[in-house]
Amino acid sequence: MHNARTVKTTPLQLALAWSFAGIPLLAGVIQTLFNAMKLFQ
């Protein structure tokens, strides 16, 4: 028998998790684009 409890994720938790991962990711992408633009000048 499998008696696991399901835990619901709230929209706030989801937004915080995406912010935690997404903000540094976005900063890295922007920094990479700026460095790439320097190469093509």
PDB file of N, CA and C in Angstrom:
ATOM      1  N   MET A   1       0.836  -1.197   0.000  1.00  0.00           N
ATOM      2  CA  MET A   1       0.000   0.000   0.000  1.00  0.00           C
ATOM      3  C   MET A   1       0.876   1.253   0.000  1.00  0.00           C
ATOM      4  N   HIS A   2       0.430   2.220  -0.753  1.00  0.00           N
ATOM      5  CA  HIS A   2       1.166   3.483  -0.859  1.00  0.00           C
ATOM      6  C   HIS A   2       0.321   4.581  -0.222  1.00  0.00           C
ATOM      7  N   ASN A   3       0.813   5.146   0.848  1.00  0.00           N
ATOM      8  CA  ASN A   3       0.046   6.142   1.598  1.00  0.00           C
ATOM      9  C   ASN A   3       0.802   7.465   1.649  1.00  0.00           C
ATOM     10  N   ALA A   4       1.065   8.060   0.477  1.00  0.00           N
ATOM     11  CA  ALA A   4       1.823   9.312   0.412  1.00  0.00           C
ATOM     12  C   ALA A   4       0.881  10.504   0.497  1.00  0.00           C
ATOM     13  N   ARG A   5       1.381  11.549   1.126  1.00  0.00           N
ATOM     14  CA  ARG A   5       0.607  12.777   1.256  1.00  0.00           C
ATOM     15  C   ARG A   5       0.970  13.717   0.117  1.00  0.00           C
ATOM     16  N   THR A   6      -0.010  14.305  -0.524  1.00  0.00           N
ATOM     17  CA  THR A   6       0.271  15.273  -1.585  1.00  0.00           C
ATOM     18  C   THR A   6       0.372  16.669  -0.988  1.00  0.00           C
ATOM     19  N   VAL A   7       1.398  17.378  -1.393  1.00  0.00           N
ATOM     20  CA  VAL A   7       1.608  18.736  -0.899  1.00  0.00           C
ATOM     21  C   VAL A   7       1.373  19.682  -2.063  1.00  0.00           C
ATOM     22  N   LYS A   8       0.485  20.634  -1.865  1.00  0.00           N
ATOM     23  CA  LYS A   8       0.171  21.599  -2.915  1.00  0.00           C
ATOM     24  C   LYS A   8       1.169  22.763  -2.848  1.00  0.00           C
ATOM     25  N   THR A   9       1.607  23.207  -4.012  1.00  0.00           N
ATOM     26  CA  THR A   9       2.491  24.356  -4.104  1.00  0.00           C
ATOM     27  C   THR A   9       1.636  25.592  -4.385  1.00  0.00           C
ATOM     28  N   THR A  10       1.798  26.608  -3.563  1.00  0.00           N
ATOM     29  CA  THR A  10       1.015  27.830  -3.760  1.00  0.00           C
ATOM     30  C   THR A  10       1.634  28.657  -4.890  1.00  0.00           C
ATOM     31  N   PRO A  11       0.845  29.503  -5.509  1.00  0.00           N
ATOM     32  CA  PRO A  11       1.394  30.378  -6.556  1.00  0.00           C
ATOM     33  C   PRO A  11       2.530  31.270  -6.035  1.00  0.00           C
ATOM     34  N   LEU A  12       2.446  31.671  -4.772  1.00  0.00           N
ATOM     35  CA  LEU A  12       3.517  32.493  -4.197  1.00  0.00           C
ATOM     36  C   LEU A  12       4.824  31.707  -4.122  1.00  0.00           C
ATOM     37  N   GLN A  13       4.750  30.462  -3.673  1.00  0.00           N
ATOM     38  CA  GLN A  13       5.949  29.626  -3.603  1.00  0.00           C
ATOM     39  C   GLN A  13       6.537  29.417  -4.993  1.00  0.00           C
ATOM     40  N   LEU A  14       5.673  29.219  -5.961  1.00  0.00           N
ATOM     41  CA  LEU A  14       6.110  29.027  -7.338  1.00  0.00           C
ATOM     42  C   LEU A  14       6.808  30.281  -7.864  1.00  0.00           C
ATOM     43  N   ALA A  15       6.227  31.443  -7.599  1.00  0.00           N
ATOM     44  CA  ALA A  15       6.825  32.703  -8.044  1.00  0.00           C
ATOM     45  C   ALA A  15       8.172  32.938  -7.369  1.00  0.00           C
ATOM     46  N   LEU A  16       8.267  32.637  -6.087  1.00  0.00           N
ATOM     47  CA  LEU A  16       9.532  32.817  -5.375  1.00  0.00           C
ATOM     48  C   LEU A  16      10.606  31.876  -5.917  1.00  0.00           C
ATOM     49  N   ALA A  17      10.229  30.655  -6.199  1.00  0.00           N
ATOM     50  CA  ALA A  17      11.192  29.689  -6.725  1.00  0.00           C
ATOM     51  C   ALA A  17      11.696  30.123  -8.101  1.00  0.00           C
ATOM     52  N   TRP A  18      10.784  30.591  -8.963  1.00  0.00           N
ATOM     53  CA  TRP A  18      11.196  31.053 -10.287  1.00  0.00           C
ATOM     54  C   TRP A  18      12.063  32.297 -10.192  1.00  0.00           C
ATOM     55  N   SER A  19      11.744  33.191  -9.245  1.00  0.00           N
ATOM     56  CA  SER A  19      12.562  34.392  -9.057  1.00  0.00           C
ATOM     57  C   SER A  19      13.955  34.022  -8.585  1.00  0.00           C
ATOM     58  N   PHE A  20      14.016  33.063  -7.658  1.00  0.00           N
ATOM     59  CA  PHE A  20      15.293  32.634  -7.104  1.00  0.00           C
ATOM     60  C   PHE A  20      16.209  32.100  -8.199  1.00  0.00           C
ATOM     61  N   ALA A  21      15.657  31.391  -9.164  1.00  0.00           N
ATOM     62  CA  ALA A  21      16.456  30.818 -10.252  1.00  0.00           C
ATOM     63  C   ALA A  21      16.523  31.764 -11.453  1.00  0.00           C
ATOM     64  N   GLY A  22      15.442  32.484 -11.702  1.00  0.00           N
ATOM     65  CA  GLY A  22      15.333  33.266 -12.930  1.00  0.00           C
ATOM     66  C   GLY A  22      16.113  34.556 -12.931  1.00  0.00           C
ATOM     67  N   ILE A  23      16.206  35.227 -11.787  1.00  0.00           N
ATOM     68  CA  ILE A  23      16.899  36.521 -11.747  1.00  0.00           C
ATOM     69  C   ILE A  23      18.393  36.361 -12.050  1.00  0.00           C
ATOM     70  N   PRO A  24      19.104  35.430 -11.393  1.00  0.00           N
ATOM     71  CA  PRO A  24      20.521  35.244 -11.769  1.00  0.00           C
ATOM     72  C   PRO A  24      20.688  34.756 -13.210  1.00  0.00           C
ATOM     73  N   LEU A  25      19.761  33.927 -13.670  1.00  0.00           N
ATOM     74  CA  LEU A  25      19.822  33.439 -15.047  1.00  0.00           C
ATOM     75  C   LEU A  25      19.679  34.596 -16.027  1.00  0.00           C
ATOM     76  N   LEU A  26      18.719  35.460 -15.776  1.00  0.00           N
ATOM     77  CA  LEU A  26      18.493  36.619 -16.634  1.00  0.00           C
ATOM     78  C   LEU A  26      19.701  37.554 -16.611  1.00  0.00           C
ATOM     79  N   ALA A  27      20.282  37.762 -15.435  1.00  0.00           N
ATOM     80  CA  ALA A  27      21.467  38.613 -15.323  1.00  0.00           C
ATOM     81  C   ALA A  27      22.620  38.024 -16.141  1.00  0.00           C
ATOM     82  N   GLY A  28      22.779  36.715 -16.097  1.00  0.00           N
ATOM     83  CA  GLY A  28      23.835  36.062 -16.874  1.00  0.00           C
ATOM     84  C   GLY A  28      23.622  36.200 -18.364  1.00  0.00           C
ATOM     85  N   VAL A  29      22.384  36.066 -18.801  1.00  0.00           N
ATOM     86  CA  VAL A  29      22.073  36.208 -20.231  1.00  0.00           C
ATOM     87  C   VAL A  29      22.350  37.636 -20.689  1.00  0.00           C
ATOM     88  N   ILE A  30      21.948  38.618 -19.896  1.00  0.00           N
ATOM     89  CA  ILE A  30      22.181  40.021 -20.258  1.00  0.00           C
ATOM     90  C   ILE A  30      23.674  40.316 -20.326  1.00  0.00           C
ATOM     91  N   GLN A  31      24.432  39.824 -19.344  1.00  0.00           N
ATOM     92  CA  GLN A  31      25.878  40.033 -19.327  1.00  0.00           C
ATOM     93  C   GLN A  31      26.529  39.387 -20.554  1.00  0.00           C
ATOM     94  N   THR A  32      26.082  38.204 -20.913  1.00  0.00           N
ATOM     95  CA  THR A  32      26.611  37.511 -22.089  1.00  0.00           C
ATOM     96  C   THR A  32      26.309  38.299 -23.359  1.00  0.00           C
ATOM     97  N   LEU A  33      25.095  38.836 -23.462  1.00  0.00           N
ATOM     98  CA  LEU A  33      24.745  39.622 -24.649  1.00  0.00           C
ATOM     99  C   LEU A  33      25.604  40.878 -24.760  1.00  0.00           C
ATOM    100  N   PHE A  34      25.845  41.546 -23.636  1.00  0.00           N
ATOM    101  CA  PHE A  34      26.694  42.747 -23.667  1.00  0.00           C
ATOM    102  C   PHE A  34      28.118  42.396 -24.080  1.00  0.00           C
ATOM    103  N   ASN A  35      28.633  41.276 -23.564  1.00  0.00           N
ATOM    104  CA  ASN A  35      29.989  40.855 -23.952  1.00  0.00           C
ATOM    105  C   ASN A  35      30.043  40.459 -25.422  1.00  0.00           C
ATOM    106  N   ALA A  36      28.987  39.843 -25.915  1.00  0.00           N
ATOM    107  CA  ALA A  36      28.942  39.466 -27.331  1.00  0.00           C
ATOM    108  C   ALA A  36      28.884  40.703 -28.222  1.00  0.00           C
ATOM    109  N   MET A  37      28.179  41.737 -27.774  1.00  0.00           N
ATOM    110  CA  MET A  37      28.085  42.962 -28.569  1.00  0.00           C
ATOM    111  C   MET A  37      29.459  43.627 -28.685  1.00  0.00           C
ATOM    112  N   LYS A  38      30.288  43.531 -27.647  1.00  0.00           N
ATOM    113  CA  LYS A  38      31.641  44.098 -27.700  1.00  0.00           C
ATOM    114  C   LYS A  38      32.470  43.412 -28.789  1.00  0.00           C
ATOM    115  N   LEU A  39      32.258  42.109 -28.976  1.00  0.00           N
ATOM    116  CA  LEU A  39      33.026  41.367 -29.973  1.00  0.00           C
ATOM    117  C   LEU A  39      32.705  41.810 -31.394  1.00  0.00           C
ATOM    118  N   PHE A  40      31.461  42.222 -31.632  1.00  0.00           N
ATOM    119  CA  PHE A  40      31.027  42.529 -32.996  1.00  0.00           C
ATOM    120  C   PHE A  40      31.058  44.013 -33.319  1.00  0.00           C
ATOM    121  N   GLN A  41      31.754  44.801 -32.516  1.00  0.00           N
ATOM    122  CA  GLN A  41      31.847  46.239 -32.822  1.00  0.00           C
ATOM    123  C   GLN A  41      33.000  46.521 -33.751  1.00  0.00           C
TER     124      GLN A  41
END
